[in-house]
Amino acid sequence: MQTETVALTREKETLLITLWAKAGESLLPDSLLKDRFAAQAATRLDYDFARLKVDRDLMVGLAMRAHTLDGWTRAFLAEHSDAIVLHLGCGLDSRVFRIDPPAGVAWYDIDYPDVIALRQKLYPARDGYHLLGSSVTEPGWIAAVPRDRPAMIVAEGLLPYLPEEEVPLLLERLVQHCPSGEIVFDAYSPLGLKLIAMQPSIKATGAVLHWSLADPVELELQVPGLELVTELTAYDPDGYDRRQIARMSWPARLAMQFFSLIPPLSRIGVLLRYRF
């Protein structure tokens, strides 16, 4: 099997964290994602994944995040068979293959040109699947996206890395271009952003995080047309399947229980779903 050399650094390199975590979680006997596509792609890369220090807790945590976003995407497509999906900062994520959208859906994966070129070597083409090589903050790429269909917009592990002023501009551009739809993503409070930056995996890449969100309602004020539908906190024991939390180590479970009891800590990381 031919291997592909990886020359990604800093923020781009973080996409390898999520790929390796999802690939590793999918090899566990109690896997939630069962992402054989990620597992296969990871074996094709000439890269020392050990330097990223991805442990079982991170594997399970990122799988839970992806599973929630996948679920929201599937629910939207079940109601909108003619939808488009915009997967912003797709990295090497195999979401389009995990979800396997119906034939009427047009799916767009958007990321830097070198990331898209790597994707093309690892994943097969499929009908209705489009790859756009561009920074998501560059306004030109959106011209290739239809304006007359409901849109499901997914940004997993992306927005915190963008310059603070670029996030509302990007979201406003999307809301103005698409007639209706939903936007789902993960976000962190200012404290949460500092804690994430201290994670060994992030530190190994040298990536810098910029954008935080103290209150999800802020975005409704910054981006006219957005309406908050769901806020799922990372440390809400009722927000996720307890069987998944039970898969984590006892220190991780204890930390989650402790954080859930203190309001500023319970909301340091959230999954958000907006309607427009």
Foldseek 3Di string as FASTA:
>chain_A
DAADEDDDFAPLCCLVLLLVLQLVLLPDPPRDQVCVLSVQLVVRYPDDCVQLVRDNQNSLLSSQVVVVLLVVVLVQCVVFVQEEEEEAQCQLDPSCVSNVRDQNYAYEYEEAPVSLVSNPVRDDDDHNYYYYHDHLLDLPRCVVPDAEHEYEYEYEPPQQLDAAVSVLVSVQSVPVRHVWYKYKYKFFAPVLQVVVCPDSSNVSRNYHTHHHDNDPVVSCVSHPPKDWDDKAWSLDCVRGDVVSLVSDDPVSNVVSPVQCVDVVSRRRMIMTMIID
